[in-house]
């Protein structure tokens, strides 16, 4: 995560934010990277997609009690509205993010 905006500013905007918490040493994380990239391309600017290295961001890992990677978190208007660990395909992400955001309003 390297942006001029703070984490709080990023997740509090109107645009939903999907965060992929990963580690370089994590095999499943590396396998999922192309799926995250494919999802990001498919949604364009409708959803911000951020990749956060857990080893370089221990404060985030502690704040959200991340105990395993990959962990995905979806924020909408500053609220954590969905969280899951493990592998997800781009299609699965599309379905879960769309349905979660529909419910979250």
PDB file of N, CA and C in Angstrom:
ATOM      1  N   UNK A   1       0.858  -1.164   0.000  1.00  0.00           N
ATOM      2  CA  UNK A   1       0.000   0.000   0.000  1.00  0.00           C
ATOM      3  C   UNK A   1       0.897   1.218   0.000  1.00  0.00           C
ATOM      4  N   UNK A   2       0.965   1.894  -1.101  1.00  0.00           N
ATOM      5  CA  UNK A   2       1.760   3.105  -1.147  1.00  0.00           C
ATOM      6  C   UNK A   2       1.000   4.145  -1.948  1.00  0.00           C
ATOM      7  N   UNK A   3       0.338   5.007  -1.253  1.00  0.00           N
ATOM      8  CA  UNK A   3      -0.459   6.047  -1.871  1.00  0.00           C
ATOM      9  C   UNK A   3      -0.330   7.284  -1.018  1.00  0.00           C
ATOM     10  N   UNK A   4      -0.593   8.437  -1.610  1.00  0.00           N
ATOM     11  CA  UNK A   4      -0.524   9.672  -0.853  1.00  0.00           C
ATOM     12  C   UNK A   4      -1.616   9.755   0.199  1.00  0.00           C
ATOM     13  N   UNK A   5      -2.698   9.027   0.007  1.00  0.00           N
ATOM     14  CA  UNK A   5      -3.820   9.064   0.937  1.00  0.00           C
ATOM     15  C   UNK A   5      -3.579   8.100   2.095  1.00  0.00           C
ATOM     16  N   UNK A   6      -4.114   8.442   3.246  1.00  0.00           N
ATOM     17  CA  UNK A   6      -4.019   7.545   4.395  1.00  0.00           C
ATOM     18  C   UNK A   6      -5.008   6.393   4.218  1.00  0.00           C
ATOM     19  N   UNK A   7      -4.815   5.349   5.007  1.00  0.00           N
ATOM     20  CA  UNK A   7      -5.721   4.205   4.952  1.00  0.00           C
ATOM     21  C   UNK A   7      -7.150   4.651   5.232  1.00  0.00           C
ATOM     22  N   UNK A   8      -7.325   5.488   6.262  1.00  0.00           N
ATOM     23  CA  UNK A   8      -8.664   5.982   6.603  1.00  0.00           C
ATOM     24  C   UNK A   8      -9.307   6.748   5.469  1.00  0.00           C
ATOM     25  N   UNK A   9      -8.530   7.578   4.797  1.00  0.00           N
ATOM     26  CA  UNK A   9      -9.073   8.342   3.667  1.00  0.00           C
ATOM     27  C   UNK A   9      -9.489   7.412   2.533  1.00  0.00           C
ATOM     28  N   UNK A  10      -8.690   6.386   2.299  1.00  0.00           N
ATOM     29  CA  UNK A  10      -9.001   5.448   1.221  1.00  0.00           C
ATOM     30  C   UNK A  10     -10.303   4.696   1.472  1.00  0.00           C
ATOM     31  N   UNK A  11     -10.483   4.195   2.683  1.00  0.00           N
ATOM     32  CA  UNK A  11     -11.674   3.369   2.935  1.00  0.00           C
ATOM     33  C   UNK A  11     -12.920   4.192   3.219  1.00  0.00           C
ATOM     34  N   UNK A  12     -12.788   5.475   3.516  1.00  0.00           N
ATOM     35  CA  UNK A  12     -13.947   6.304   3.830  1.00  0.00           C
ATOM     36  C   UNK A  12     -14.580   6.972   2.626  1.00  0.00           C
ATOM     37  N   UNK A  13     -14.009   6.805   1.449  1.00  0.00           N
ATOM     38  CA  UNK A  13     -14.570   7.418   0.262  1.00  0.00           C
ATOM     39  C   UNK A  13     -15.844   6.726  -0.191  1.00  0.00           C
ATOM     40  N   UNK A  14     -16.435   7.267  -1.226  1.00  0.00           N
ATOM     41  CA  UNK A  14     -17.660   6.682  -1.788  1.00  0.00           C
ATOM     42  C   UNK A  14     -17.371   5.399  -2.576  1.00  0.00           C
ATOM     43  N   UNK A  15     -16.166   5.285  -3.097  1.00  0.00           N
ATOM     44  CA  UNK A  15     -15.806   4.102  -3.884  1.00  0.00           C
ATOM     45  C   UNK A  15     -15.465   2.948  -2.949  1.00  0.00           C
ATOM     46  N   UNK A  16     -16.108   1.784  -3.125  1.00  0.00           N
ATOM     47  CA  UNK A  16     -15.764   0.614  -2.317  1.00  0.00           C
ATOM     48  C   UNK A  16     -14.295   0.243  -2.512  1.00  0.00           C
ATOM     49  N   UNK A  17     -13.696  -0.339  -1.476  1.00  0.00           N
ATOM     50  CA  UNK A  17     -12.279  -0.719  -1.509  1.00  0.00           C
ATOM     51  C   UNK A  17     -12.147  -2.191  -1.126  1.00  0.00           C
ATOM     52  N   UNK A  18     -11.554  -2.962  -2.033  1.00  0.00           N
ATOM     53  CA  UNK A  18     -11.254  -4.368  -1.757  1.00  0.00           C
ATOM     54  C   UNK A  18      -9.762  -4.456  -1.462  1.00  0.00           C
ATOM     55  N   UNK A  19      -9.433  -4.976  -0.297  1.00  0.00           N
ATOM     56  CA  UNK A  19      -8.039  -5.089   0.110  1.00  0.00           C
ATOM     57  C   UNK A  19      -7.641  -6.559   0.139  1.00  0.00           C
ATOM     58  N   UNK A  20      -6.562  -6.850  -0.565  1.00  0.00           N
ATOM     59  CA  UNK A  20      -5.973  -8.187  -0.585  1.00  0.00           C
ATOM     60  C   UNK A  20      -4.752  -8.141   0.317  1.00  0.00           C
ATOM     61  N   UNK A  21      -4.840  -8.780   1.477  1.00  0.00           N
ATOM     62  CA  UNK A  21      -3.707  -8.844   2.397  1.00  0.00           C
ATOM     63  C   UNK A  21      -2.958 -10.137   2.078  1.00  0.00           C
ATOM     64  N   UNK A  22      -1.692 -10.000   1.691  1.00  0.00           N
ATOM     65  CA  UNK A  22      -0.919 -11.131   1.203  1.00  0.00           C
ATOM     66  C   UNK A  22       0.477 -11.122   1.824  1.00  0.00           C
ATOM     67  N   UNK A  23       1.239 -12.156   1.506  1.00  0.00           N
ATOM     68  CA  UNK A  23       2.651 -12.224   1.885  1.00  0.00           C
ATOM     69  C   UNK A  23       3.423 -12.785   0.698  1.00  0.00           C
ATOM     70  N   UNK A  24       4.643 -12.301   0.528  1.00  0.00           N
ATOM     71  CA  UNK A  24       5.473 -12.778  -0.578  1.00  0.00           C
ATOM     72  C   UNK A  24       5.785 -14.266  -0.465  1.00  0.00           C
ATOM     73  N   UNK A  25       5.879 -14.786   0.748  1.00  0.00           N
ATOM     74  CA  UNK A  25       6.228 -16.186   0.986  1.00  0.00           C
ATOM     75  C   UNK A  25       5.035 -17.133   0.897  1.00  0.00           C
ATOM     76  N   UNK A  26       3.841 -16.586   0.699  1.00  0.00           N
ATOM     77  CA  UNK A  26       2.589 -17.359   0.717  1.00  0.00           C
ATOM     78  C   UNK A  26       2.257 -17.890  -0.682  1.00  0.00           C
ATOM     79  N   UNK A  27       2.309 -19.205  -0.847  1.00  0.00           N
ATOM     80  CA  UNK A  27       1.986 -19.825  -2.129  1.00  0.00           C
ATOM     81  C   UNK A  27       0.582 -19.507  -2.628  1.00  0.00           C
ATOM     82  N   UNK A  28      -0.457 -19.706  -1.796  1.00  0.00           N
ATOM     83  CA  UNK A  28      -1.807 -19.381  -2.241  1.00  0.00           C
ATOM     84  C   UNK A  28      -1.966 -17.899  -2.617  1.00  0.00           C
ATOM     85  N   UNK A  29      -1.246 -17.017  -1.915  1.00  0.00           N
ATOM     86  CA  UNK A  29      -1.301 -15.588  -2.245  1.00  0.00           C
ATOM     87  C   UNK A  29      -0.772 -15.348  -3.654  1.00  0.00           C
ATOM     88  N   UNK A  30       0.344 -15.994  -3.965  1.00  0.00           N
ATOM     89  CA  UNK A  30       0.950 -15.823  -5.283  1.00  0.00           C
ATOM     90  C   UNK A  30       0.050 -16.412  -6.371  1.00  0.00           C
ATOM     91  N   UNK A  31      -0.599 -17.514  -6.060  1.00  0.00           N
ATOM     92  CA  UNK A  31      -1.524 -18.131  -7.012  1.00  0.00           C
ATOM     93  C   UNK A  31      -2.721 -17.225  -7.262  1.00  0.00           C
ATOM     94  N   UNK A  32      -3.170 -16.531  -6.234  1.00  0.00           N
ATOM     95  CA  UNK A  32      -4.358 -15.688  -6.350  1.00  0.00           C
ATOM     96  C   UNK A  32      -4.078 -14.325  -6.998  1.00  0.00           C
ATOM     97  N   UNK A  33      -2.833 -13.876  -7.008  1.00  0.00           N
ATOM     98  CA  UNK A  33      -2.501 -12.550  -7.556  1.00  0.00           C
ATOM     99  C   UNK A  33      -3.086 -12.301  -8.949  1.00  0.00           C
ATOM    100  N   UNK A  34      -2.935 -13.238  -9.897  1.00  0.00           N
ATOM    101  CA  UNK A  34      -3.518 -12.986 -11.219  1.00  0.00           C
ATOM    102  C   UNK A  34      -5.041 -12.843 -11.180  1.00  0.00           C
ATOM    103  N   UNK A  35      -5.688 -13.560 -10.262  1.00  0.00           N
ATOM    104  CA  UNK A  35      -7.145 -13.450 -10.119  1.00  0.00           C
ATOM    105  C   UNK A  35      -7.532 -12.058  -9.594  1.00  0.00           C
ATOM    106  N   UNK A  36      -6.763 -11.555  -8.629  1.00  0.00           N
ATOM    107  CA  UNK A  36      -7.008 -10.210  -8.104  1.00  0.00           C
ATOM    108  C   UNK A  36      -6.814  -9.187  -9.221  1.00  0.00           C
ATOM    109  N   UNK A  37      -5.755  -9.345 -10.000  1.00  0.00           N
ATOM    110  CA  UNK A  37      -5.489  -8.431 -11.111  1.00  0.00           C
ATOM    111  C   UNK A  37      -6.615  -8.478 -12.146  1.00  0.00           C
ATOM    112  N   UNK A  38      -7.086  -9.674 -12.438  1.00  0.00           N
ATOM    113  CA  UNK A  38      -8.182  -9.832 -13.411  1.00  0.00           C
ATOM    114  C   UNK A  38      -9.455  -9.184 -12.883  1.00  0.00           C
ATOM    115  N   UNK A  39      -9.738  -9.379 -11.600  1.00  0.00           N
ATOM    116  CA  UNK A  39     -10.904  -8.734 -10.992  1.00  0.00           C
ATOM    117  C   UNK A  39     -10.774  -7.213 -11.080  1.00  0.00           C
ATOM    118  N   UNK A  40      -9.601  -6.684 -10.723  1.00  0.00           N
ATOM    119  CA  UNK A  40      -9.386  -5.229 -10.750  1.00  0.00           C
ATOM    120  C   UNK A  40      -9.608  -4.669 -12.151  1.00  0.00           C
ATOM    121  N   UNK A  41      -9.118  -5.362 -13.163  1.00  0.00           N
ATOM    122  CA  UNK A  41      -9.333  -4.902 -14.546  1.00  0.00           C
ATOM    123  C   UNK A  41     -10.814  -4.925 -14.911  1.00  0.00           C
ATOM    124  N   UNK A  42     -11.525  -5.936 -14.435  1.00  0.00           N
ATOM    125  CA  UNK A  42     -12.940  -6.069 -14.815  1.00  0.00           C
ATOM    126  C   UNK A  42     -13.827  -5.006 -14.166  1.00  0.00           C
ATOM    127  N   UNK A  43     -13.477  -4.551 -12.968  1.00  0.00           N
ATOM    128  CA  UNK A  43     -14.327  -3.555 -12.294  1.00  0.00           C
ATOM    129  C   UNK A  43     -13.892  -2.120 -12.573  1.00  0.00           C
ATOM    130  N   UNK A  44     -12.696  -1.945 -13.125  1.00  0.00           N
ATOM    131  CA  UNK A  44     -12.236  -0.592 -13.445  1.00  0.00           C
ATOM    132  C   UNK A  44     -12.200   0.286 -12.206  1.00  0.00           C
ATOM    133  N   UNK A  45     -12.781   1.472 -12.313  1.00  0.00           N
ATOM    134  CA  UNK A  45     -12.742   2.404 -11.182  1.00  0.00           C
ATOM    135  C   UNK A  45     -13.977   2.317 -10.287  1.00  0.00           C
ATOM    136  N   UNK A  46     -14.829   1.309 -10.492  1.00  0.00           N
ATOM    137  CA  UNK A  46     -16.011   1.136  -9.628  1.00  0.00           C
ATOM    138  C   UNK A  46     -15.642   0.631  -8.248  1.00  0.00           C
ATOM    139  N   UNK A  47     -14.527  -0.101  -8.147  1.00  0.00           N
ATOM    140  CA  UNK A  47     -14.018  -0.622  -6.876  1.00  0.00           C
ATOM    141  C   UNK A  47     -12.512  -0.420  -6.880  1.00  0.00           C
ATOM    142  N   UNK A  48     -11.986   0.188  -5.816  1.00  0.00           N
ATOM    143  CA  UNK A  48     -10.533   0.290  -5.674  1.00  0.00           C
ATOM    144  C   UNK A  48     -10.030  -1.047  -5.157  1.00  0.00           C
ATOM    145  N   UNK A  49      -8.954  -1.534  -5.743  1.00  0.00           N
ATOM    146  CA  UNK A  49      -8.366  -2.793  -5.307  1.00  0.00           C
ATOM    147  C   UNK A  49      -6.948  -2.493  -4.824  1.00  0.00           C
ATOM    148  N   UNK A  50      -6.690  -2.806  -3.563  1.00  0.00           N
ATOM    149  CA  UNK A  50      -5.382  -2.569  -2.972  1.00  0.00           C
ATOM    150  C   UNK A  50      -4.779  -3.893  -2.527  1.00  0.00           C
ATOM    151  N   UNK A  51      -3.487  -4.028  -2.755  1.00  0.00           N
ATOM    152  CA  UNK A  51      -2.741  -5.188  -2.265  1.00  0.00           C
ATOM    153  C   UNK A  51      -1.856  -4.695  -1.131  1.00  0.00           C
ATOM    154  N   UNK A  52      -1.974  -5.351   0.010  1.00  0.00           N
ATOM    155  CA  UNK A  52      -1.213  -4.949   1.194  1.00  0.00           C
ATOM    156  C   UNK A  52      -0.374  -6.129   1.670  1.00  0.00           C
ATOM    157  N   UNK A  53       0.936  -5.926   1.703  1.00  0.00           N
ATOM    158  CA  UNK A  53       1.850  -6.954   2.180  1.00  0.00           C
ATOM    159  C   UNK A  53       1.789  -6.983   3.708  1.00  0.00           C
ATOM    160  N   UNK A  54       1.374  -8.093   4.268  1.00  0.00           N
ATOM    161  CA  UNK A  54       1.185  -8.214   5.709  1.00  0.00           C
ATOM    162  C   UNK A  54       2.494  -8.009   6.477  1.00  0.00           C
ATOM    163  N   UNK A  55       3.608  -8.436   5.894  1.00  0.00           N
ATOM    164  CA  UNK A  55       4.896  -8.298   6.574  1.00  0.00           C
ATOM    165  C   UNK A  55       5.372  -6.849   6.632  1.00  0.00           C
ATOM    166  N   UNK A  56       4.940  -6.045   5.683  1.00  0.00           N
ATOM    167  CA  UNK A  56       5.339  -4.633   5.648  1.00  0.00           C
ATOM    168  C   UNK A  56       4.333  -3.725   6.334  1.00  0.00           C
ATOM    169  N   UNK A  57       3.189  -4.271   6.718  1.00  0.00           N
ATOM    170  CA  UNK A  57       2.123  -3.495   7.351  1.00  0.00           C
ATOM    171  C   UNK A  57       1.579  -4.203   8.583  1.00  0.00           C
ATOM    172  N   UNK A  58       2.431  -4.434   9.584  1.00  0.00           N
ATOM    173  CA  UNK A  58       1.969  -5.172  10.768  1.00  0.00           C
ATOM    174  C   UNK A  58       0.880  -4.437  11.545  1.00  0.00           C
ATOM    175  N   UNK A  59       0.844  -3.114  11.482  1.00  0.00           N
ATOM    176  CA  UNK A  59      -0.199  -2.372  12.207  1.00  0.00           C
ATOM    177  C   UNK A  59      -1.581  -2.696  11.646  1.00  0.00           C
ATOM    178  N   UNK A  60      -1.688  -2.797  10.330  1.00  0.00           N
ATOM    179  CA  UNK A  60      -2.965  -3.154   9.715  1.00  0.00           C
ATOM    180  C   UNK A  60      -3.349  -4.577  10.101  1.00  0.00           C
ATOM    181  N   UNK A  61      -2.373  -5.474  10.067  1.00  0.00           N
ATOM    182  CA  UNK A  61      -2.635  -6.865  10.441  1.00  0.00           C
ATOM    183  C   UNK A  61      -3.134  -6.953  11.874  1.00  0.00           C
ATOM    184  N   UNK A  62      -2.524  -6.190  12.764  1.00  0.00           N
ATOM    185  CA  UNK A  62      -2.965  -6.184  14.160  1.00  0.00           C
ATOM    186  C   UNK A  62      -4.331  -5.546  14.317  1.00  0.00           C
ATOM    187  N   UNK A  63      -4.550  -4.427  13.647  1.00  0.00           N
ATOM    188  CA  UNK A  63      -5.826  -3.710  13.777  1.00  0.00           C
ATOM    189  C   UNK A  63      -7.010  -4.566  13.331  1.00  0.00           C
ATOM    190  N   UNK A  64      -6.802  -5.410  12.320  1.00  0.00           N
ATOM    191  CA  UNK A  64      -7.892  -6.227  11.791  1.00  0.00           C
ATOM    192  C   UNK A  64      -7.738  -7.708  12.137  1.00  0.00           C
ATOM    193  N   UNK A  65      -6.879  -8.011  13.092  1.00  0.00           N
ATOM    194  CA  UNK A  65      -6.691  -9.375  13.596  1.00  0.00           C
ATOM    195  C   UNK A  65      -6.501 -10.381  12.464  1.00  0.00           C
ATOM    196  N   UNK A  66      -5.623 -10.051  11.551  1.00  0.00           N
ATOM    197  CA  UNK A  66      -5.348 -10.944  10.429  1.00  0.00           C
ATOM    198  C   UNK A  66      -4.378 -12.012  10.905  1.00  0.00           C
ATOM    199  N   UNK A  67      -4.837 -13.243  10.864  1.00  0.00           N
ATOM    200  CA  UNK A  67      -4.047 -14.367  11.354  1.00  0.00           C
ATOM    201  C   UNK A  67      -3.571 -15.274  10.239  1.00  0.00           C
ATOM    202  N   UNK A  68      -4.097 -15.079   9.040  1.00  0.00           N
ATOM    203  CA  UNK A  68      -3.705 -15.911   7.912  1.00  0.00           C
ATOM    204  C   UNK A  68      -3.828 -15.131   6.619  1.00  0.00           C
ATOM    205  N   UNK A  69      -3.064 -15.566   5.635  1.00  0.00           N
ATOM    206  CA  UNK A  69      -3.125 -14.935   4.326  1.00  0.00           C
ATOM    207  C   UNK A  69      -3.332 -16.007   3.266  1.00  0.00           C
ATOM    208  N   UNK A  70      -3.984 -15.675   2.185  1.00  0.00           N
ATOM    209  CA  UNK A  70      -4.536 -14.371   1.865  1.00  0.00           C
ATOM    210  C   UNK A  70      -5.823 -14.089   2.635  1.00  0.00           C
ATOM    211  N   UNK A  71      -5.990 -12.834   3.001  1.00  0.00           N
ATOM    212  CA  UNK A  71      -7.228 -12.352   3.599  1.00  0.00           C
ATOM    213  C   UNK A  71      -7.739 -11.200   2.737  1.00  0.00           C
ATOM    214  N   UNK A  72      -9.014 -11.247   2.424  1.00  0.00           N
ATOM    215  CA  UNK A  72      -9.648 -10.200   1.635  1.00  0.00           C
ATOM    216  C   UNK A  72     -10.625  -9.447   2.519  1.00  0.00           C
ATOM    217  N   UNK A  73     -10.626  -8.120   2.386  1.00  0.00           N
ATOM    218  CA  UNK A  73     -11.553  -7.283   3.147  1.00  0.00           C
ATOM    219  C   UNK A  73     -12.177  -6.268   2.196  1.00  0.00           C
ATOM    220  N   UNK A  74     -13.485  -6.097   2.305  1.00  0.00           N
ATOM    221  CA  UNK A  74     -14.203  -5.127   1.489  1.00  0.00           C
ATOM    222  C   UNK A  74     -14.747  -4.035   2.396  1.00  0.00           C
ATOM    223  N   UNK A  75     -14.364  -2.802   2.096  1.00  0.00           N
ATOM    224  CA  UNK A  75     -14.836  -1.641   2.846  1.00  0.00           C
ATOM    225  C   UNK A  75     -15.774  -0.823   1.968  1.00  0.00           C
ATOM    226  N   UNK A  76     -16.845  -0.331   2.581  1.00  0.00           N
ATOM    227  CA  UNK A  76     -17.794   0.532   1.887  1.00  0.00           C
ATOM    228  C   UNK A  76     -18.161   1.668   2.828  1.00  0.00           C
ATOM    229  N   UNK A  77     -17.837   2.876   2.408  1.00  0.00           N
ATOM    230  CA  UNK A  77     -18.073   4.084   3.225  1.00  0.00           C
ATOM    231  C   UNK A  77     -17.473   3.941   4.630  1.00  0.00           C
ATOM    232  N   UNK A  78     -16.271   3.402   4.682  1.00  0.00           N
ATOM    233  CA  UNK A  78     -15.545   3.296   5.933  1.00  0.00           C
ATOM    234  C   UNK A  78     -15.860   2.087   6.778  1.00  0.00           C
ATOM    235  N   UNK A  79     -16.835   1.294   6.374  1.00  0.00           N
ATOM    236  CA  UNK A  79     -17.246   0.121   7.150  1.00  0.00           C
ATOM    237  C   UNK A  79     -16.735  -1.157   6.495  1.00  0.00           C
ATOM    238  N   UNK A  80     -16.248  -2.071   7.299  1.00  0.00           N
ATOM    239  CA  UNK A  80     -15.879  -3.392   6.813  1.00  0.00           C
ATOM    240  C   UNK A  80     -17.176  -4.168   6.594  1.00  0.00           C
ATOM    241  N   UNK A  81     -17.485  -4.487   5.329  1.00  0.00           N
ATOM    242  CA  UNK A  81     -18.759  -5.135   5.017  1.00  0.00           C
ATOM    243  C   UNK A  81     -18.610  -6.601   4.619  1.00  0.00           C
ATOM    244  N   UNK A  82     -17.370  -7.034   4.365  1.00  0.00           N
ATOM    245  CA  UNK A  82     -17.130  -8.439   4.006  1.00  0.00           C
ATOM    246  C   UNK A  82     -15.673  -8.755   4.248  1.00  0.00           C
ATOM    247  N   UNK A  83     -15.439  -9.971   4.696  1.00  0.00           N
ATOM    248  CA  UNK A  83     -14.069 -10.420   4.941  1.00  0.00           C
ATOM    249  C   UNK A  83     -14.027 -11.924   4.727  1.00  0.00           C
ATOM    250  N   UNK A  84     -12.941 -12.385   4.119  1.00  0.00           N
ATOM    251  CA  UNK A  84     -12.777 -13.819   3.905  1.00  0.00           C
ATOM    252  C   UNK A  84     -11.293 -14.132   3.778  1.00  0.00           C
ATOM    253  N   UNK A  85     -10.945 -15.357   4.108  1.00  0.00           N
ATOM    254  CA  UNK A  85      -9.579 -15.826   3.931  1.00  0.00           C
ATOM    255  C   UNK A  85      -9.578 -16.938   2.900  1.00  0.00           C
ATOM    256  N   UNK A  86      -8.449 -17.136   2.268  1.00  0.00           N
ATOM    257  CA  UNK A  86      -8.319 -18.221   1.310  1.00  0.00           C
ATOM    258  C   UNK A  86      -8.450 -17.759  -0.127  1.00  0.00           C
ATOM    259  N   UNK A  87      -8.363 -18.731  -1.011  1.00  0.00           N
ATOM    260  CA  UNK A  87      -8.368 -18.488  -2.447  1.00  0.00           C
ATOM    261  C   UNK A  87      -9.749 -18.082  -2.962  1.00  0.00           C
ATOM    262  N   UNK A  88      -9.753 -17.124  -3.887  1.00  0.00           N
ATOM    263  CA  UNK A  88     -10.967 -16.701  -4.576  1.00  0.00           C
ATOM    264  C   UNK A  88     -10.618 -16.418  -6.031  1.00  0.00           C
ATOM    265  N   UNK A  89     -11.489 -16.822  -6.927  1.00  0.00           N
ATOM    266  CA  UNK A  89     -11.290 -16.498  -8.336  1.00  0.00           C
ATOM    267  C   UNK A  89     -11.866 -15.107  -8.603  1.00  0.00           C
ATOM    268  N   UNK A  90     -11.521 -14.552  -9.752  1.00  0.00           N
ATOM    269  CA  UNK A  90     -12.065 -13.249 -10.137  1.00  0.00           C
ATOM    270  C   UNK A  90     -13.593 -13.314 -10.199  1.00  0.00           C
ATOM    271  N   UNK A  91     -14.130 -14.421 -10.693  1.00  0.00           N
ATOM    272  CA  UNK A  91     -15.581 -14.569 -10.796  1.00  0.00           C
ATOM    273  C   UNK A  91     -16.222 -14.613  -9.410  1.00  0.00           C
ATOM    274  N   UNK A  92     -15.615 -15.334  -8.480  1.00  0.00           N
ATOM    275  CA  UNK A  92     -16.146 -15.382  -7.118  1.00  0.00           C
ATOM    276  C   UNK A  92     -16.126 -13.992  -6.490  1.00  0.00           C
ATOM    277  N   UNK A  93     -15.039 -13.265  -6.701  1.00  0.00           N
ATOM    278  CA  UNK A  93     -14.950 -11.913  -6.157  1.00  0.00           C
ATOM    279  C   UNK A  93     -16.025 -11.015  -6.748  1.00  0.00           C
ATOM    280  N   UNK A  94     -16.247 -11.124  -8.046  1.00  0.00           N
ATOM    281  CA  UNK A  94     -17.278 -10.315  -8.696  1.00  0.00           C
ATOM    282  C   UNK A  94     -18.637 -10.575  -8.051  1.00  0.00           C
ATOM    283  N   UNK A  95     -18.966 -11.843  -7.862  1.00  0.00           N
ATOM    284  CA  UNK A  95     -20.267 -12.196  -7.283  1.00  0.00           C
ATOM    285  C   UNK A  95     -20.398 -11.707  -5.848  1.00  0.00           C
ATOM    286  N   UNK A  96     -19.415 -11.975  -5.007  1.00  0.00           N
ATOM    287  CA  UNK A  96     -19.524 -11.628  -3.590  1.00  0.00           C
ATOM    288  C   UNK A  96     -19.497 -10.118  -3.386  1.00  0.00           C
ATOM    289  N   UNK A  97     -18.657  -9.417  -4.129  1.00  0.00           N
ATOM    290  CA  UNK A  97     -18.572  -7.951  -3.960  1.00  0.00           C
ATOM    291  C   UNK A  97     -19.872  -7.312  -4.415  1.00  0.00           C
ATOM    292  N   UNK A  98     -20.389  -7.719  -5.561  1.00  0.00           N
ATOM    293  CA  UNK A  98     -21.642  -7.134  -6.045  1.00  0.00           C
ATOM    294  C   UNK A  98     -22.793  -7.394  -5.081  1.00  0.00           C
ATOM    295  N   UNK A  99     -22.925  -8.635  -4.604  1.00  0.00           N
ATOM    296  CA  UNK A  99     -24.042  -8.945  -3.709  1.00  0.00           C
ATOM    297  C   UNK A  99     -23.873  -8.257  -2.367  1.00  0.00           C
ATOM    298  N   UNK A 100     -22.653  -8.173  -1.856  1.00  0.00           N
ATOM    299  CA  UNK A 100     -22.405  -7.504  -0.583  1.00  0.00           C
ATOM    300  C   UNK A 100     -22.716  -6.019  -0.684  1.00  0.00           C
ATOM    301  N   UNK A 101     -22.294  -5.388  -1.756  1.00  0.00           N
ATOM    302  CA  UNK A 101     -22.548  -3.958  -1.915  1.00  0.00           C
ATOM    303  C   UNK A 101     -24.028  -3.668  -2.122  1.00  0.00           C
ATOM    304  N   UNK A 102     -24.741  -4.588  -2.776  1.00  0.00           N
ATOM    305  CA  UNK A 102     -26.186  -4.412  -2.936  1.00  0.00           C
ATOM    306  C   UNK A 102     -26.865  -4.382  -1.579  1.00  0.00           C
ATOM    307  N   UNK A 103     -26.465  -5.284  -0.701  1.00  0.00           N
ATOM    308  CA  UNK A 103     -27.049  -5.361   0.642  1.00  0.00           C
ATOM    309  C   UNK A 103     -26.618  -4.157   1.486  1.00  0.00           C
ATOM    310  N   UNK A 104     -25.335  -3.766   1.358  1.00  0.00           N
ATOM    311  CA  UNK A 104     -24.810  -2.660   2.159  1.00  0.00           C
ATOM    312  C   UNK A 104     -25.396  -1.317   1.759  1.00  0.00           C
ATOM    313  N   UNK A 105     -25.890  -1.266   0.515  1.00  0.00           N
ATOM    314  CA  UNK A 105     -26.526  -0.034   0.040  1.00  0.00           C
ATOM    315  C   UNK A 105     -25.531   0.989  -0.298  1.00  0.00           C
TER     316      UNK A 105
END
